[in-house]
Amino acid sequence: MNADLVSMWPSLRSTLLLAGRWGLTVVVLSLLAGSGSALFLWLLDVATRTQQSWWVWAWTLPFLGAISAWMYLLWGGESGRGNNLVIVEIQHPMRGLPWQMAPLIFVATILTHLGGGSAGREGTAVQMGAGFAGWWARWSRPWLGQDYRETLLMGVAAGFGGVFGTPVAGAVFAGEVLAVGRLPTLALFPCLLAAIGADMVCVGLGGSHLHYHVNWQGLVAHSWPERLKLLGAVALLGLLAGLVGRGFAETLHRLNRWYVKVLPGPVLRVVVGSFVVVALAEWVVGRDYLGLGTTNIDPHAVTIGSCFHEGGAKTWSWLFKLVLTVLTLACGLKGGEVTPLFFIGAALGNTFAVWTGLLPVDVAAAIGFVAIFAAATNTPLASSILAIELFGTLRPEYAFIGCFTAWLVGGASSIYASQHRGDGKVLQEINGHHPVAVNPQRDRLPQSEEGASPREPGRSSD
């Protein structure tokens, strides 16, 4: 018996040390990402309400954008590469993430929303979480020995889970976004713990998340023909969401390259782009499509929440939000893409339901909400889980069908051009792409704004 215990001790000791490293890292990242998320959400709400309270604030966007661009010019270094830098650093650790990444994206995103820029918060959440994780990894690695890549993954999960209040989706997203078709399963558990902890800290400090009510009873079929009809309707909506998500990603990258070519100076580029955004909102599409899009002090405005109700969105609301978001991010204004994608998807679902009558409005909005996220980010599993966490679990198969259909239709396009392609992925054959050898130095991102990512290995610039 004693001999057995002695032989088991090395394995048990390794397990205990791993659990201890995970536990300490989870606690630290939960506190940092959770408190950072709570402060960020509060300031984001203040900035949004301030901007909506007086129309003049929108015209300050060029000035606020110029401040943001100057900040990155003076102190940013590689931080301006944004989420793509985070992905590349996790894939091929080299010099570490810049220490200034988290505070810069925090301040710059608030400035964007104070001026009404149509941006999101996911990019900020991911960069904040990864930035905190990078700090912790550099400081603790000599004595803790925690794996650097694993720590960054935990930081991404904590940031996503804290800001969106969806820890399971955050954990899966952190791994799935790195390489399409491959998921680092060993890291999922610590990522999940970090995301849960960050969400708990954020909520405990007063952070709040929007809640959506979806009546899935409308998808209860009493016969197999009805079931097939519903499945076909969901797949059709997923197809449309995939096309829109693909168009969003490709248009964003192309427009950013055009901006960089025509206006190489980042400050001038942001100023000109900001004027275009504000002018288009004021004189063409309306102010409903400025800002985050989650809430509005005008009860009649189109928001993500209103898209879940009949009459809550106009026929082309999804297109208006898409155009303003692409223009905002392509010129170099900071913020995320994901919350605007939620808006676009929910509005597209609303229009689909109203025009076809195949699905209830709230169900179509919910499926569009997550399906377009799956298409634009190449994260169908995380998107499907996101639907379960946000909208309930009564009919999860419909969310999975919508997300995976959109993902396949979206093809190799992604808002994250530094994503790798997993071996054996169906969409590689569909789009004529094949796995290639990875060269970390070649895959480093060029000096450009967050929306301008490097050319993917094996892909042309188009």
Protein backbone atom coordinates (compact mmCIF):
# COMPACT_ATOMS: atom_id res chain seq x y z
CA MET A 1 0.00 0.00 0.00
CA ASN A 2 2.76 2.43 0.95
CA ALA A 3 4.63 1.53 -2.24
CA ASP A 4 1.54 2.35 -4.29
CA LEU A 5 1.20 5.73 -2.60
CA VAL A 6 4.86 6.49 -3.24
CA SER A 7 4.50 5.59 -6.92
CA MET A 8 1.38 7.75 -7.23
CA TRP A 9 2.91 10.78 -5.53
CA PRO A 10 4.67 12.35 -8.57
CA SER A 11 1.45 12.28 -10.59
CA LEU A 12 -0.61 13.55 -7.66
CA ARG A 13 1.95 16.26 -6.95
CA SER A 14 1.85 17.45 -10.58
CA THR A 15 -1.95 17.56 -10.48
CA LEU A 16 -1.97 19.55 -7.24
CA LEU A 17 0.60 22.02 -8.57
CA LEU A 18 -1.42 22.48 -11.76
CA ALA A 19 -4.60 23.04 -9.77
CA GLY A 20 -2.80 25.56 -7.57
CA ARG A 21 -1.47 27.50 -10.55
CA TRP A 22 -4.86 27.47 -12.20
CA GLY A 23 -6.60 28.53 -8.99
CA LEU A 24 -4.31 31.47 -8.29
CA THR A 25 -4.45 32.67 -11.90
CA VAL A 26 -8.24 32.34 -11.96
CA VAL A 27 -8.58 34.45 -8.82
CA VAL A 28 -6.25 37.18 -10.10
CA LEU A 29 -7.80 37.38 -13.57
CA SER A 30 -11.33 37.23 -12.18
CA LEU A 31 -10.63 40.23 -9.97
CA LEU A 32 -8.84 42.23 -12.66
CA ALA A 33 -11.12 41.45 -15.60
CA GLY A 34 -14.29 41.53 -13.51
CA SER A 35 -13.58 44.89 -11.90
CA GLY A 36 -12.33 46.29 -15.20
CA SER A 37 -15.50 45.10 -16.93
CA ALA A 38 -17.74 46.66 -14.28
CA LEU A 39 -15.98 50.02 -14.58
CA PHE A 40 -15.99 49.81 -18.37
CA LEU A 41 -19.72 49.00 -18.58
CA TRP A 42 -20.57 51.85 -16.21
CA LEU A 43 -18.50 54.40 -18.15
CA LEU A 44 -19.88 53.05 -21.42
CA ASP A 45 -23.42 53.63 -20.17
CA VAL A 46 -22.52 57.16 -19.05
CA ALA A 47 -20.91 57.92 -22.41
CA THR A 48 -23.89 56.52 -24.33
CA ARG A 49 -26.47 58.47 -22.34
CA THR A 50 -24.40 61.65 -22.60
CA GLN A 51 -24.10 61.30 -26.36
CA GLN A 52 -27.82 60.61 -26.79
CA SER A 53 -28.88 63.48 -24.55
CA TRP A 54 -27.62 66.22 -26.88
CA TRP A 55 -27.22 65.95 -30.65
CA VAL A 56 -24.12 68.17 -30.65
CA TRP A 57 -22.08 65.40 -29.03
CA ALA A 58 -22.08 63.43 -32.29
CA TRP A 59 -20.17 66.23 -33.98
CA THR A 60 -17.37 65.89 -31.42
CA LEU A 61 -16.53 62.43 -32.81
CA PRO A 62 -13.79 63.75 -35.16
CA PHE A 63 -12.13 65.58 -32.26
CA LEU A 64 -12.44 62.62 -29.87
CA GLY A 65 -11.22 60.27 -32.58
CA ALA A 66 -8.19 62.49 -33.16
CA ILE A 67 -7.35 62.28 -29.45
CA SER A 68 -7.61 58.50 -29.63
CA ALA A 69 -5.36 58.36 -32.70
CA TRP A 70 -2.78 60.63 -31.06
CA MET A 71 -2.77 58.41 -27.96
CA TYR A 72 -1.93 55.38 -30.07
CA LEU A 73 0.71 57.29 -32.04
CA LEU A 74 2.45 58.44 -28.87
CA TRP A 75 2.11 55.40 -26.62
CA GLY A 76 0.45 52.62 -28.58
CA GLY A 77 3.32 50.76 -30.20
CA GLU A 78 1.88 47.47 -31.41
CA SER A 79 -1.31 47.95 -29.37
CA GLY A 80 -3.06 49.47 -32.38
CA ARG A 81 -3.17 46.03 -33.97
CA GLY A 82 -5.88 45.10 -31.50
CA ASN A 83 -7.48 41.69 -31.29
CA ASN A 84 -5.40 40.36 -34.15
CA LEU A 85 -2.25 40.97 -32.12
CA VAL A 86 -3.80 39.05 -29.21
CA ILE A 87 -4.58 36.10 -31.47
CA VAL A 88 -1.11 36.05 -33.03
CA GLU A 89 0.58 36.31 -29.62
CA ILE A 90 -1.38 33.31 -28.33
CA GLN A 91 -0.64 31.32 -31.48
CA HIS A 92 3.07 32.16 -31.54
CA PRO A 93 4.31 33.84 -28.32
CA MET A 94 7.15 36.20 -29.11
CA ARG A 95 7.64 39.52 -27.33
CA GLY A 96 4.51 39.57 -25.19
CA LEU A 97 1.56 41.92 -25.35
CA PRO A 98 2.31 45.63 -24.79
CA TRP A 99 1.63 46.72 -21.22
CA GLN A 100 -0.34 49.72 -22.47
CA MET A 101 -2.83 47.67 -24.50
CA ALA A 102 -5.51 47.44 -21.78
CA PRO A 103 -5.60 51.11 -20.66
CA LEU A 104 -5.38 52.48 -24.20
CA ILE A 105 -8.26 50.44 -25.62
CA PHE A 106 -10.29 51.20 -22.48
CA VAL A 107 -9.99 54.97 -22.90
CA ALA A 108 -10.20 54.96 -26.70
CA THR A 109 -13.42 52.94 -26.73
CA ILE A 110 -15.09 55.28 -24.25
CA LEU A 111 -14.09 58.24 -26.45
CA THR A 112 -15.56 56.52 -29.52
CA HIS A 113 -18.89 55.96 -27.79
CA LEU A 114 -18.96 59.44 -26.27
CA GLY A 115 -18.93 60.77 -29.82
CA GLY A 116 -21.46 58.23 -31.06
CA GLY A 117 -19.17 56.01 -33.11
CA SER A 118 -20.93 52.81 -34.18
CA ALA A 119 -18.66 50.35 -32.42
CA GLY A 120 -18.93 47.61 -29.85
CA ARG A 121 -17.22 46.44 -26.70
CA GLU A 122 -15.99 42.89 -27.42
CA GLY A 123 -12.68 44.13 -28.80
CA THR A 124 -12.15 46.12 -25.64
CA ALA A 125 -13.12 43.17 -23.44
CA VAL A 126 -10.73 40.80 -25.19
CA GLN A 127 -7.82 43.24 -25.18
CA MET A 128 -8.40 44.21 -21.56
CA GLY A 129 -8.56 40.58 -20.47
CA ALA A 130 -5.52 39.61 -22.52
CA GLY A 131 -3.65 42.69 -21.32
CA PHE A 132 -4.31 41.83 -17.67
CA ALA A 133 -3.28 38.23 -18.36
CA GLY A 134 -0.08 39.41 -20.02
CA TRP A 135 0.80 41.53 -17.00
CA TRP A 136 0.16 38.63 -14.64
CA ALA A 137 2.06 36.15 -16.80
CA ARG A 138 5.17 38.34 -16.98
CA TRP A 139 5.17 39.00 -13.26
CA SER A 140 4.32 35.52 -12.01
CA ARG A 141 6.00 33.23 -14.50
CA PRO A 142 9.44 33.17 -12.80
CA TRP A 143 7.99 31.74 -9.58
CA LEU A 144 4.61 30.33 -10.63
CA GLY A 145 5.49 28.64 -13.90
CA GLN A 146 2.03 29.12 -15.39
CA ASP A 147 1.85 28.45 -19.13
CA TYR A 148 1.89 31.80 -20.98
CA ARG A 149 -0.48 30.85 -23.80
CA GLU A 150 -2.92 29.29 -21.38
CA THR A 151 -2.86 32.43 -19.24
CA LEU A 152 -3.67 34.63 -22.25
CA LEU A 153 -6.56 32.32 -23.18
CA MET A 154 -7.90 32.64 -19.65
CA GLY A 155 -7.64 36.42 -19.92
CA VAL A 156 -9.60 36.49 -23.19
CA ALA A 157 -12.29 34.27 -21.67
CA ALA A 158 -12.48 36.42 -18.53
CA GLY A 159 -12.82 39.61 -20.55
CA PHE A 160 -15.55 38.21 -22.79
CA GLY A 161 -17.43 36.58 -19.92
CA GLY A 162 -17.22 39.66 -17.73
CA VAL A 163 -18.47 42.16 -20.32
CA PHE A 164 -21.20 40.01 -21.87
CA GLY A 165 -22.23 37.95 -18.84
CA THR A 166 -21.87 34.71 -20.83
CA PRO A 167 -19.02 32.75 -19.23
CA VAL A 168 -19.47 29.45 -21.09
CA ALA A 169 -19.55 31.18 -24.47
CA GLY A 170 -16.56 33.26 -23.38
CA ALA A 171 -14.51 30.16 -22.54
CA VAL A 172 -15.34 28.47 -25.85
CA PHE A 173 -14.81 31.69 -27.82
CA ALA A 174 -11.32 32.13 -26.36
CA GLY A 175 -10.22 28.81 -27.84
CA GLU A 176 -12.34 28.68 -30.97
CA VAL A 177 -11.31 32.10 -32.28
CA LEU A 178 -7.64 31.09 -32.55
CA ALA A 179 -7.94 28.48 -35.29
CA VAL A 180 -11.04 27.56 -37.22
CA GLY A 181 -11.95 23.92 -36.65
CA ARG A 182 -9.62 23.35 -33.69
CA LEU A 183 -10.40 23.83 -30.01
CA PRO A 184 -7.78 23.62 -27.21
CA THR A 185 -9.86 21.39 -24.96
CA LEU A 186 -7.29 21.21 -22.15
CA ALA A 187 -7.52 24.97 -21.63
CA LEU A 188 -11.33 25.07 -21.62
CA PHE A 189 -11.71 24.30 -17.92
CA PRO A 190 -9.44 27.08 -16.55
CA CYS A 191 -10.90 29.45 -19.16
CA LEU A 192 -14.39 28.61 -17.93
CA LEU A 193 -13.40 29.22 -14.30
CA ALA A 194 -11.83 32.57 -15.19
CA ALA A 195 -14.90 33.64 -17.18
CA ILE A 196 -17.29 32.62 -14.39
CA GLY A 197 -15.18 34.45 -11.82
CA ALA A 198 -14.98 37.62 -13.91
CA ASP A 199 -18.73 37.59 -14.46
CA MET A 200 -19.36 37.16 -10.72
CA VAL A 201 -17.00 40.02 -9.84
CA CYS A 202 -18.50 42.28 -12.52
CA VAL A 203 -22.07 41.67 -11.35
CA GLY A 204 -21.03 41.97 -7.72
CA LEU A 205 -19.58 45.42 -8.41
CA GLY A 206 -22.78 46.63 -10.05
CA GLY A 207 -22.20 45.63 -13.66
CA SER A 208 -25.40 44.78 -15.49
CA HIS A 209 -26.23 42.91 -18.67
CA LEU A 210 -29.23 43.12 -20.95
CA HIS A 211 -31.76 40.31 -20.82
CA TYR A 212 -33.80 39.16 -23.79
CA HIS A 213 -37.07 37.27 -23.64
CA VAL A 214 -37.65 34.78 -26.43
CA ASN A 215 -40.78 32.63 -26.56
CA TRP A 216 -39.44 29.40 -28.01
CA GLN A 217 -42.91 27.86 -27.79
CA GLY A 218 -43.46 29.31 -31.24
CA LEU A 219 -41.06 26.66 -32.56
CA VAL A 220 -42.88 23.68 -31.07
CA ALA A 221 -43.94 21.55 -34.05
CA HIS A 222 -46.74 18.99 -33.75
CA SER A 223 -45.86 17.04 -36.90
CA TRP A 224 -42.75 16.28 -38.90
CA PRO A 225 -43.78 18.49 -41.86
CA GLU A 226 -44.08 21.43 -39.45
CA ARG A 227 -40.69 20.55 -37.98
CA LEU A 228 -39.08 20.43 -41.43
CA LYS A 229 -40.65 23.78 -42.29
CA LEU A 230 -39.20 25.37 -39.16
CA LEU A 231 -35.78 23.82 -39.72
CA GLY A 232 -35.79 25.06 -43.30
CA ALA A 233 -36.75 28.57 -42.20
CA VAL A 234 -33.95 28.63 -39.63
CA ALA A 235 -31.44 27.37 -42.20
CA LEU A 236 -32.59 30.02 -44.68
CA LEU A 237 -32.13 32.74 -42.08
CA GLY A 238 -28.70 31.29 -41.28
CA LEU A 239 -27.83 31.45 -44.97
CA LEU A 240 -28.79 35.13 -45.15
CA ALA A 241 -26.89 35.87 -41.93
CA GLY A 242 -23.84 34.11 -43.36
CA LEU A 243 -23.90 36.23 -46.48
CA VAL A 244 -24.30 39.44 -44.47
CA GLY A 245 -21.57 38.43 -42.00
CA ARG A 246 -19.23 37.60 -44.84
CA GLY A 247 -20.00 40.91 -46.51
CA PHE A 248 -19.37 42.76 -43.24
CA ALA A 249 -15.94 41.20 -42.71
CA GLU A 250 -14.74 41.62 -46.28
CA THR A 251 -16.04 45.17 -46.60
CA LEU A 252 -14.39 46.15 -43.32
CA HIS A 253 -10.97 44.91 -44.43
CA ARG A 254 -11.22 46.34 -47.94
CA LEU A 255 -12.37 49.76 -46.75
CA ASN A 256 -9.62 49.89 -44.14
CA ARG A 257 -6.99 49.16 -46.78
CA TRP A 258 -8.49 51.88 -48.97
CA TYR A 259 -8.44 54.38 -46.09
CA VAL A 260 -4.80 53.56 -45.31
CA LYS A 261 -3.85 53.97 -48.98
CA VAL A 262 -5.70 57.26 -49.53
CA LEU A 263 -5.10 58.79 -46.07
CA PRO A 264 -1.89 57.27 -44.66
CA GLY A 265 -1.86 59.60 -41.64
CA PRO A 266 -3.86 57.92 -38.84
CA VAL A 267 -5.07 61.17 -37.26
CA LEU A 268 -6.33 62.66 -40.52
CA ARG A 269 -7.87 59.30 -41.43
CA VAL A 270 -9.87 59.17 -38.20
CA VAL A 271 -11.00 62.80 -38.52
CA VAL A 272 -12.22 62.38 -42.10
CA GLY A 273 -13.83 59.03 -41.37
CA SER A 274 -15.59 60.41 -38.30
CA PHE A 275 -17.10 63.27 -40.31
CA VAL A 276 -18.42 60.76 -42.83
CA VAL A 277 -20.02 58.67 -40.06
CA VAL A 278 -21.71 61.62 -38.36
CA ALA A 279 -22.88 63.22 -41.61
CA LEU A 280 -24.38 59.95 -42.82
CA ALA A 281 -26.16 59.43 -39.50
CA GLU A 282 -27.49 62.98 -39.30
CA TRP A 283 -28.64 63.42 -42.88
CA VAL A 284 -29.29 59.95 -44.30
CA VAL A 285 -29.90 56.95 -42.02
CA GLY A 286 -30.73 58.57 -38.66
CA ARG A 287 -29.11 58.70 -35.23
CA ASP A 288 -30.61 55.38 -34.09
CA TYR A 289 -27.60 53.64 -35.62
CA LEU A 290 -24.93 55.59 -33.77
CA GLY A 291 -23.29 54.15 -30.69
CA LEU A 292 -23.57 50.69 -29.20
CA GLY A 293 -27.20 50.11 -30.11
CA THR A 294 -28.22 48.29 -26.94
CA THR A 295 -30.26 51.09 -25.35
CA ASN A 296 -31.56 54.52 -26.29
CA ILE A 297 -33.17 57.31 -24.28
CA ASP A 298 -35.67 57.67 -27.14
CA PRO A 299 -38.30 54.94 -26.57
CA HIS A 300 -39.11 54.87 -30.29
CA ALA A 301 -35.53 54.35 -31.45
CA VAL A 302 -34.36 51.13 -33.08
CA THR A 303 -32.20 49.14 -30.65
CA ILE A 304 -31.16 45.53 -30.27
CA GLY A 305 -33.99 45.03 -27.79
CA SER A 306 -36.61 46.59 -30.04
CA CYS A 307 -35.66 44.18 -32.84
CA PHE A 308 -37.21 41.37 -30.80
CA HIS A 309 -40.66 42.94 -31.25
CA GLU A 310 -42.74 43.39 -34.35
CA GLY A 311 -42.33 46.94 -35.64
CA GLY A 312 -39.13 47.33 -33.62
CA ALA A 313 -36.91 47.63 -36.69
CA LYS A 314 -37.19 49.06 -40.17
CA THR A 315 -36.68 46.98 -43.29
CA TRP A 316 -33.15 48.26 -43.84
CA SER A 317 -32.10 48.79 -40.22
CA TRP A 318 -29.58 45.97 -40.50
CA LEU A 319 -27.95 47.60 -43.53
CA PHE A 320 -27.84 51.06 -41.94
CA LYS A 321 -26.09 49.69 -38.86
CA LEU A 322 -23.70 47.66 -41.01
CA VAL A 323 -22.67 50.69 -43.07
CA LEU A 324 -22.10 52.96 -40.07
CA THR A 325 -20.15 50.27 -38.20
CA VAL A 326 -17.87 49.51 -41.14
CA LEU A 327 -17.23 53.23 -41.67
CA THR A 328 -16.52 53.72 -37.96
CA LEU A 329 -14.03 50.88 -37.55
CA ALA A 330 -12.36 51.10 -40.95
CA CYS A 331 -11.13 54.65 -40.38
CA GLY A 332 -9.41 53.67 -37.13
CA LEU A 333 -11.91 54.50 -34.38
CA LYS A 334 -11.57 52.02 -31.54
CA GLY A 335 -14.12 49.56 -30.19
CA GLY A 336 -15.39 46.11 -30.98
CA GLU A 337 -17.33 44.66 -33.87
CA VAL A 338 -19.46 42.11 -32.04
CA THR A 339 -22.23 44.18 -30.44
CA PRO A 340 -22.95 45.96 -33.75
CA LEU A 341 -23.03 42.49 -35.32
CA PHE A 342 -25.65 41.51 -32.74
CA PHE A 343 -27.67 44.57 -33.77
CA ILE A 344 -27.30 43.76 -37.48
CA GLY A 345 -28.28 40.14 -36.94
CA ALA A 346 -31.30 40.92 -34.75
CA ALA A 347 -32.54 43.55 -37.22
CA LEU A 348 -32.01 41.13 -40.13
CA GLY A 349 -33.99 38.48 -38.26
CA ASN A 350 -36.78 40.96 -37.58
CA THR A 351 -37.00 41.84 -41.28
CA PHE A 352 -36.90 38.15 -42.24
CA ALA A 353 -39.78 37.32 -39.90
CA VAL A 354 -41.92 40.26 -41.02
CA TRP A 355 -41.38 39.66 -44.73
CA THR A 356 -41.67 35.85 -44.79
CA GLY A 357 -43.87 35.01 -41.80
CA LEU A 358 -41.92 31.76 -41.42
CA LEU A 359 -40.71 32.44 -37.88
CA PRO A 360 -41.90 34.49 -34.89
CA VAL A 361 -40.18 37.87 -34.73
CA ASP A 362 -38.43 37.27 -31.41
CA VAL A 363 -37.15 33.85 -32.47
CA ALA A 364 -35.88 35.16 -35.82
CA ALA A 365 -34.16 38.09 -34.08
CA ALA A 366 -32.47 35.73 -31.62
CA ILE A 367 -31.21 33.40 -34.34
CA GLY A 368 -30.01 36.30 -36.50
CA PHE A 369 -28.32 37.79 -33.41
CA VAL A 370 -26.01 34.79 -32.97
CA ALA A 371 -25.83 33.49 -36.56
CA ILE A 372 -24.20 36.60 -37.97
CA PHE A 373 -21.70 36.52 -35.09
CA ALA A 374 -20.84 32.94 -36.06
CA ALA A 375 -20.33 33.91 -39.69
CA ALA A 376 -18.22 37.01 -39.09
CA THR A 377 -15.97 35.48 -36.42
CA ASN A 378 -15.83 31.81 -37.51
CA THR A 379 -16.93 30.71 -34.03
CA PRO A 380 -20.13 28.66 -34.59
CA LEU A 381 -19.88 26.65 -31.37
CA ALA A 382 -19.36 29.70 -29.14
CA SER A 383 -22.21 31.47 -30.95
CA SER A 384 -24.57 28.54 -30.39
CA ILE A 385 -23.70 28.43 -26.70
CA LEU A 386 -24.15 32.20 -26.55
CA ALA A 387 -27.73 31.70 -27.76
CA ILE A 388 -28.39 29.22 -24.96
CA GLU A 389 -26.97 31.54 -22.30
CA LEU A 390 -28.83 34.61 -23.56
CA PHE A 391 -32.12 33.22 -24.82
CA GLY A 392 -32.78 29.99 -22.92
CA THR A 393 -32.46 26.29 -23.63
CA LEU A 394 -35.91 25.20 -24.80
CA ARG A 395 -34.99 24.73 -28.48
CA PRO A 396 -31.17 24.83 -28.72
CA GLU A 397 -31.05 22.83 -31.95
CA TYR A 398 -32.43 25.77 -33.91
CA ALA A 399 -29.66 28.04 -32.69
CA PHE A 400 -27.05 25.44 -33.65
CA ILE A 401 -28.53 25.02 -37.13
CA GLY A 402 -28.68 28.78 -37.70
CA CYS A 403 -25.12 29.34 -36.46
CA PHE A 404 -23.47 26.47 -38.30
CA THR A 405 -25.32 27.26 -41.53
CA ALA A 406 -24.17 30.88 -41.31
CA TRP A 407 -20.63 29.75 -40.54
CA LEU A 408 -20.45 27.53 -43.61
CA VAL A 409 -21.91 30.23 -45.85
CA GLY A 410 -19.56 32.82 -44.35
CA GLY A 411 -16.61 30.81 -45.62
CA ALA A 412 -13.05 31.82 -44.82
CA SER A 413 -13.94 35.48 -44.28
CA SER A 414 -13.52 36.76 -40.73
CA ILE A 415 -13.21 40.04 -38.91
CA TYR A 416 -10.08 38.45 -37.37
CA ALA A 417 -7.71 37.97 -40.30
CA SER A 418 -5.06 36.43 -38.04
CA GLN A 419 -7.21 33.35 -37.44
CA HIS A 420 -5.64 30.12 -38.61
CA ARG A 421 -7.54 27.52 -40.57
CA GLY A 422 -7.92 24.16 -38.84
CA ASP A 423 -7.04 21.02 -40.80
CA GLY A 424 -9.92 19.23 -42.46
CA LYS A 425 -12.35 22.11 -42.25
CA VAL A 426 -15.14 21.93 -44.80
CA LEU A 427 -15.03 25.61 -45.67
CA GLN A 428 -11.41 25.31 -46.83
CA GLU A 429 -12.57 23.08 -49.66
CA ILE A 430 -15.57 25.29 -50.35
CA ASN A 431 -13.38 28.38 -50.70
CA GLY A 432 -10.32 26.74 -52.22
CA HIS A 433 -8.06 27.35 -49.20
CA HIS A 434 -5.69 24.77 -47.81
CA PRO A 435 -3.65 24.62 -44.59
CA VAL A 436 -0.15 26.00 -44.96
CA ALA A 437 2.94 25.98 -42.83
CA VAL A 438 2.97 28.72 -40.23
CA ASN A 439 5.77 31.25 -40.11
CA PRO A 440 5.39 33.32 -36.92
CA GLN A 441 7.58 36.16 -38.19
CA ARG A 442 5.68 36.38 -41.48
CA ASP A 443 2.36 36.33 -39.65
CA ARG A 444 3.17 39.37 -37.51
CA LEU A 445 0.70 42.14 -38.21
CA PRO A 446 1.56 45.27 -40.20
CA GLN A 447 1.55 48.69 -38.64
CA SER A 448 -2.04 49.75 -39.26
CA GLU A 449 -5.28 50.21 -37.45
CA GLU A 450 -7.14 47.42 -35.70
CA GLY A 451 -9.30 46.70 -38.71
CA ALA A 452 -6.32 46.24 -41.01
CA SER A 453 -5.01 42.76 -40.41
CA PRO A 454 -2.24 40.92 -42.15
CA ARG A 455 -2.82 38.92 -45.23
CA GLU A 456 -3.68 35.41 -44.25
CA PRO A 457 -1.17 32.71 -45.20
CA GLY A 458 -2.10 31.42 -48.60
CA ARG A 459 -4.62 34.19 -49.31
CA SER A 460 -4.44 37.18 -51.58
CA SER A 461 -5.04 40.63 -50.21
CA ASP A 462 -8.58 40.42 -51.53
